[in-house]
N, C-alpha and C. Protein backbone atom coordinates (compact mmCIF):
# COMPACT_ATOMS: atom_id res chain seq x y z
N MET A 1 -9.14 -29.15 -24.42
CA MET A 1 -9.20 -28.10 -23.34
C MET A 1 -7.82 -27.49 -23.02
N ARG A 2 -7.79 -26.23 -22.94
CA ARG A 2 -6.52 -25.49 -22.65
C ARG A 2 -6.61 -24.83 -21.30
N ILE A 3 -5.67 -25.02 -20.46
CA ILE A 3 -5.55 -24.49 -19.16
C ILE A 3 -4.47 -23.58 -19.19
N LYS A 4 -4.77 -22.30 -18.67
CA LYS A 4 -3.85 -21.25 -18.57
C LYS A 4 -3.40 -21.06 -17.13
N ALA A 5 -2.06 -21.14 -16.90
CA ALA A 5 -1.54 -20.88 -15.49
C ALA A 5 -1.57 -19.41 -15.21
N LEU A 6 -2.03 -19.17 -14.15
CA LEU A 6 -2.01 -17.71 -13.63
C LEU A 6 -0.76 -17.49 -12.84
N LYS A 7 -0.03 -16.41 -13.20
CA LYS A 7 1.18 -16.03 -12.48
C LYS A 7 0.82 -14.75 -11.79
N GLN A 8 1.15 -14.84 -10.50
CA GLN A 8 0.84 -13.62 -9.72
C GLN A 8 2.07 -12.67 -9.80
N VAL A 9 1.91 -11.42 -9.63
CA VAL A 9 2.97 -10.39 -9.64
C VAL A 9 2.96 -9.75 -8.27
N LYS A 10 4.08 -9.34 -7.84
CA LYS A 10 4.31 -8.80 -6.45
C LYS A 10 5.12 -7.60 -6.41
N SER A 11 4.82 -6.72 -5.62
CA SER A 11 5.67 -5.50 -5.44
C SER A 11 5.83 -5.13 -4.08
N GLN A 12 6.99 -4.68 -3.64
CA GLN A 12 7.14 -4.25 -2.29
C GLN A 12 7.96 -2.87 -2.31
N ILE A 13 7.34 -2.02 -1.53
CA ILE A 13 7.95 -0.66 -1.50
C ILE A 13 8.21 -0.37 0.06
N GLU A 14 9.14 0.58 0.29
CA GLU A 14 9.41 1.02 1.66
C GLU A 14 9.50 2.46 1.63
N LEU A 15 8.71 3.16 2.44
CA LEU A 15 8.65 4.65 2.54
C LEU A 15 9.25 5.01 3.92
N GLU A 16 10.11 5.89 3.76
CA GLU A 16 10.72 6.37 5.10
C GLU A 16 10.10 7.71 5.50
N PHE A 17 9.72 7.84 6.76
CA PHE A 17 9.19 8.99 7.36
C PHE A 17 10.09 9.59 8.32
N PRO A 18 9.91 10.95 8.54
CA PRO A 18 10.86 11.57 9.50
C PRO A 18 10.87 11.00 10.85
N SER A 19 9.75 10.43 11.31
CA SER A 19 9.67 9.73 12.65
C SER A 19 8.83 8.55 12.63
N ARG A 20 9.04 7.72 13.65
CA ARG A 20 8.24 6.54 13.74
C ARG A 20 6.65 6.87 14.00
N GLU A 21 6.51 7.98 14.69
CA GLU A 21 5.14 8.45 15.01
C GLU A 21 4.44 8.88 13.62
N ASP A 22 5.16 9.54 12.75
CA ASP A 22 4.59 9.92 11.51
C ASP A 22 4.14 8.66 10.76
N ALA A 23 5.06 7.71 10.68
CA ALA A 23 4.74 6.59 9.92
C ALA A 23 3.50 5.77 10.53
N LYS A 24 3.39 5.76 11.83
CA LYS A 24 2.24 5.15 12.48
C LYS A 24 0.90 5.84 12.10
N ILE A 25 1.06 7.25 12.16
CA ILE A 25 -0.13 8.00 11.86
C ILE A 25 -0.56 7.74 10.40
N VAL A 26 0.30 7.74 9.42
CA VAL A 26 -0.07 7.45 8.08
C VAL A 26 -0.58 5.93 8.03
N LEU A 27 0.01 5.09 8.72
CA LEU A 27 -0.46 3.72 8.62
C LEU A 27 -1.91 3.56 9.18
N ARG A 28 -2.23 4.20 10.34
CA ARG A 28 -3.60 4.31 10.79
C ARG A 28 -4.63 4.88 9.96
N SER A 29 -4.01 5.86 9.18
CA SER A 29 -5.10 6.70 8.34
C SER A 29 -5.37 5.79 7.11
N ILE A 30 -4.58 4.82 6.65
CA ILE A 30 -4.94 4.07 5.52
C ILE A 30 -5.41 2.61 5.86
N GLU A 31 -5.45 2.35 7.10
CA GLU A 31 -5.83 0.98 7.52
C GLU A 31 -7.29 0.49 7.05
N PRO A 32 -8.27 1.49 6.98
CA PRO A 32 -9.56 1.18 6.44
C PRO A 32 -9.54 0.75 4.96
N GLU A 33 -8.59 1.24 4.30
CA GLU A 33 -8.34 0.88 2.82
C GLU A 33 -7.72 -0.52 2.75
N ILE A 34 -6.85 -0.81 3.80
CA ILE A 34 -6.24 -2.09 3.67
C ILE A 34 -7.31 -3.19 3.88
N ARG A 35 -8.26 -3.04 4.77
CA ARG A 35 -9.33 -3.99 5.14
C ARG A 35 -10.20 -4.16 3.85
N GLY A 36 -10.55 -3.05 3.15
CA GLY A 36 -11.39 -3.13 1.93
C GLY A 36 -10.47 -2.94 0.79
N SER A 37 -9.71 -3.89 0.36
CA SER A 37 -8.75 -3.74 -0.71
C SER A 37 -9.40 -3.14 -1.90
N PRO A 38 -8.72 -2.30 -2.71
CA PRO A 38 -9.27 -1.62 -3.82
C PRO A 38 -9.76 -2.54 -4.89
N SER A 39 -9.31 -3.75 -4.95
CA SER A 39 -9.67 -4.74 -6.00
C SER A 39 -9.68 -6.17 -5.22
N GLU A 40 -10.53 -7.01 -5.76
CA GLU A 40 -10.59 -8.49 -5.30
C GLU A 40 -9.43 -9.13 -5.95
N ARG A 41 -8.81 -8.58 -6.98
CA ARG A 41 -7.64 -9.16 -7.64
C ARG A 41 -6.41 -9.07 -6.99
N THR A 42 -6.37 -8.29 -5.86
CA THR A 42 -5.04 -7.92 -5.16
C THR A 42 -5.23 -8.18 -3.72
N SER A 43 -4.06 -8.49 -3.08
CA SER A 43 -3.99 -8.53 -1.58
C SER A 43 -2.77 -7.57 -1.13
N THR A 44 -3.07 -6.96 0.01
CA THR A 44 -1.96 -5.97 0.40
C THR A 44 -1.67 -6.23 1.90
N GLU A 45 -0.43 -6.10 2.24
CA GLU A 45 0.13 -6.20 3.59
C GLU A 45 0.92 -4.87 3.71
N ILE A 46 0.63 -4.18 4.95
CA ILE A 46 1.46 -3.05 5.27
C ILE A 46 1.80 -3.19 6.74
N GLU A 47 3.16 -2.88 6.96
CA GLU A 47 3.74 -2.90 8.28
C GLU A 47 4.58 -1.76 8.53
N CYS A 48 4.77 -1.33 9.82
CA CYS A 48 5.53 -0.30 10.20
C CYS A 48 6.59 -0.80 11.03
N GLN A 49 7.87 -0.56 10.50
CA GLN A 49 9.10 -0.92 11.30
C GLN A 49 9.86 0.46 11.54
N LYS A 50 9.84 0.85 12.78
CA LYS A 50 10.55 2.17 13.16
C LYS A 50 9.80 3.23 12.34
N ASN A 51 10.56 3.97 11.51
CA ASN A 51 9.91 5.03 10.70
C ASN A 51 9.81 4.60 9.28
N ILE A 52 9.89 3.26 9.02
CA ILE A 52 9.65 2.85 7.66
C ILE A 52 8.25 2.18 7.54
N LEU A 53 7.53 2.56 6.55
CA LEU A 53 6.29 1.95 6.19
C LEU A 53 6.53 0.94 5.02
N LYS A 54 6.33 -0.31 5.21
CA LYS A 54 6.48 -1.29 4.05
C LYS A 54 5.20 -1.72 3.56
N ILE A 55 5.10 -1.79 2.30
CA ILE A 55 3.91 -2.08 1.67
C ILE A 55 4.13 -3.24 0.72
N THR A 56 3.45 -4.30 0.76
CA THR A 56 3.63 -5.41 -0.20
C THR A 56 2.20 -5.74 -0.76
N ILE A 57 2.30 -5.73 -2.18
CA ILE A 57 1.03 -5.88 -2.89
C ILE A 57 1.23 -7.14 -3.80
N THR A 58 0.26 -8.06 -3.73
CA THR A 58 0.36 -9.26 -4.56
C THR A 58 -0.99 -9.19 -5.44
N ALA A 59 -0.77 -9.31 -6.73
CA ALA A 59 -1.95 -9.25 -7.69
C ALA A 59 -1.92 -10.34 -8.65
N ARG A 60 -3.09 -10.49 -9.22
CA ARG A 60 -3.28 -11.58 -10.31
C ARG A 60 -2.53 -11.18 -11.66
N ASP A 61 -2.50 -9.89 -11.84
CA ASP A 61 -1.94 -9.38 -13.11
C ASP A 61 -1.36 -7.93 -12.95
N THR A 62 -0.58 -7.61 -13.84
CA THR A 62 0.21 -6.27 -13.85
C THR A 62 -0.73 -5.08 -13.67
N PRO A 63 -1.91 -4.99 -14.54
CA PRO A 63 -2.77 -3.87 -14.48
C PRO A 63 -3.39 -3.68 -13.02
N SER A 64 -3.66 -4.95 -12.38
CA SER A 64 -4.29 -4.88 -11.08
C SER A 64 -3.25 -4.30 -10.09
N LEU A 65 -1.98 -4.82 -10.15
CA LEU A 65 -0.88 -4.34 -9.32
C LEU A 65 -0.64 -2.90 -9.47
N ARG A 66 -0.66 -2.39 -10.60
CA ARG A 66 -0.39 -0.99 -10.88
C ARG A 66 -1.55 -0.14 -10.34
N ALA A 67 -2.81 -0.44 -10.54
CA ALA A 67 -3.99 0.26 -9.93
C ALA A 67 -3.91 0.27 -8.49
N SER A 68 -3.66 -0.91 -7.91
CA SER A 68 -3.57 -0.93 -6.44
C SER A 68 -2.48 -0.18 -5.87
N LEU A 69 -1.28 -0.25 -6.42
CA LEU A 69 -0.01 0.57 -5.94
C LEU A 69 -0.41 2.07 -6.03
N ASN A 70 -0.96 2.50 -7.24
CA ASN A 70 -1.41 3.85 -7.41
C ASN A 70 -2.30 4.40 -6.33
N SER A 71 -3.32 3.47 -5.99
CA SER A 71 -4.30 3.94 -5.03
C SER A 71 -3.51 4.19 -3.58
N TYR A 72 -2.79 3.17 -3.21
CA TYR A 72 -1.99 3.27 -1.95
C TYR A 72 -1.16 4.41 -1.90
N LEU A 73 -0.47 4.67 -2.92
CA LEU A 73 0.50 5.78 -3.03
C LEU A 73 -0.25 7.18 -2.86
N ARG A 74 -1.41 7.22 -3.46
CA ARG A 74 -2.28 8.38 -3.39
C ARG A 74 -2.75 8.65 -2.00
N TRP A 75 -3.21 7.50 -1.43
CA TRP A 75 -3.72 7.69 -0.05
C TRP A 75 -2.57 8.12 0.92
N ILE A 76 -1.47 7.54 0.81
CA ILE A 76 -0.18 7.90 1.56
C ILE A 76 0.14 9.31 1.33
N LEU A 77 0.25 9.68 0.07
CA LEU A 77 0.57 11.17 -0.17
C LEU A 77 -0.40 12.00 0.47
N LEU A 78 -1.70 11.76 0.37
CA LEU A 78 -2.67 12.67 0.98
C LEU A 78 -2.40 12.65 2.47
N SER A 79 -2.31 11.59 3.03
CA SER A 79 -2.06 11.52 4.61
C SER A 79 -0.79 12.26 4.91
N GLN A 80 0.23 12.09 4.31
CA GLN A 80 1.58 12.78 4.44
C GLN A 80 1.26 14.36 4.36
N GLN A 81 0.59 14.79 3.29
CA GLN A 81 0.33 16.12 3.19
C GLN A 81 -0.54 16.89 4.32
N ILE A 82 -1.53 15.99 4.74
CA ILE A 82 -2.36 16.47 5.95
C ILE A 82 -1.44 16.52 7.17
N LEU A 83 -0.64 15.54 7.35
CA LEU A 83 0.29 15.53 8.52
C LEU A 83 1.25 16.71 8.55
N GLU A 84 1.75 17.06 7.29
CA GLU A 84 2.59 18.18 7.23
C GLU A 84 1.91 19.53 7.66
N LEU A 85 0.70 19.63 7.42
CA LEU A 85 -0.12 20.76 7.72
C LEU A 85 -0.15 20.95 9.34
N LYS A 86 -0.08 19.77 9.99
CA LYS A 86 -0.18 19.71 11.45
C LYS A 86 1.08 20.32 12.08
N HIS A 87 2.31 20.00 11.42
CA HIS A 87 3.57 20.47 11.92
C HIS A 87 3.82 21.85 11.73
């Protein structure tokens, strides 16, 4: 019998917004996606510190990490674009 050890991969990014309020608006807009993670193979933590949005994604493998990261970045970009229309 051969046992393969699974090694998790992790990525953390920080996105700076013009204001704390903008960062919080974007965070609230993607919170539903956080609760329903894009994949069962990943877990995501997002926090807002002042005007910085910190995203930490832990995944079972690199393809899952990449897919999850791309999803969150698309949602954040869309939220940011909508926010800019408001200003």
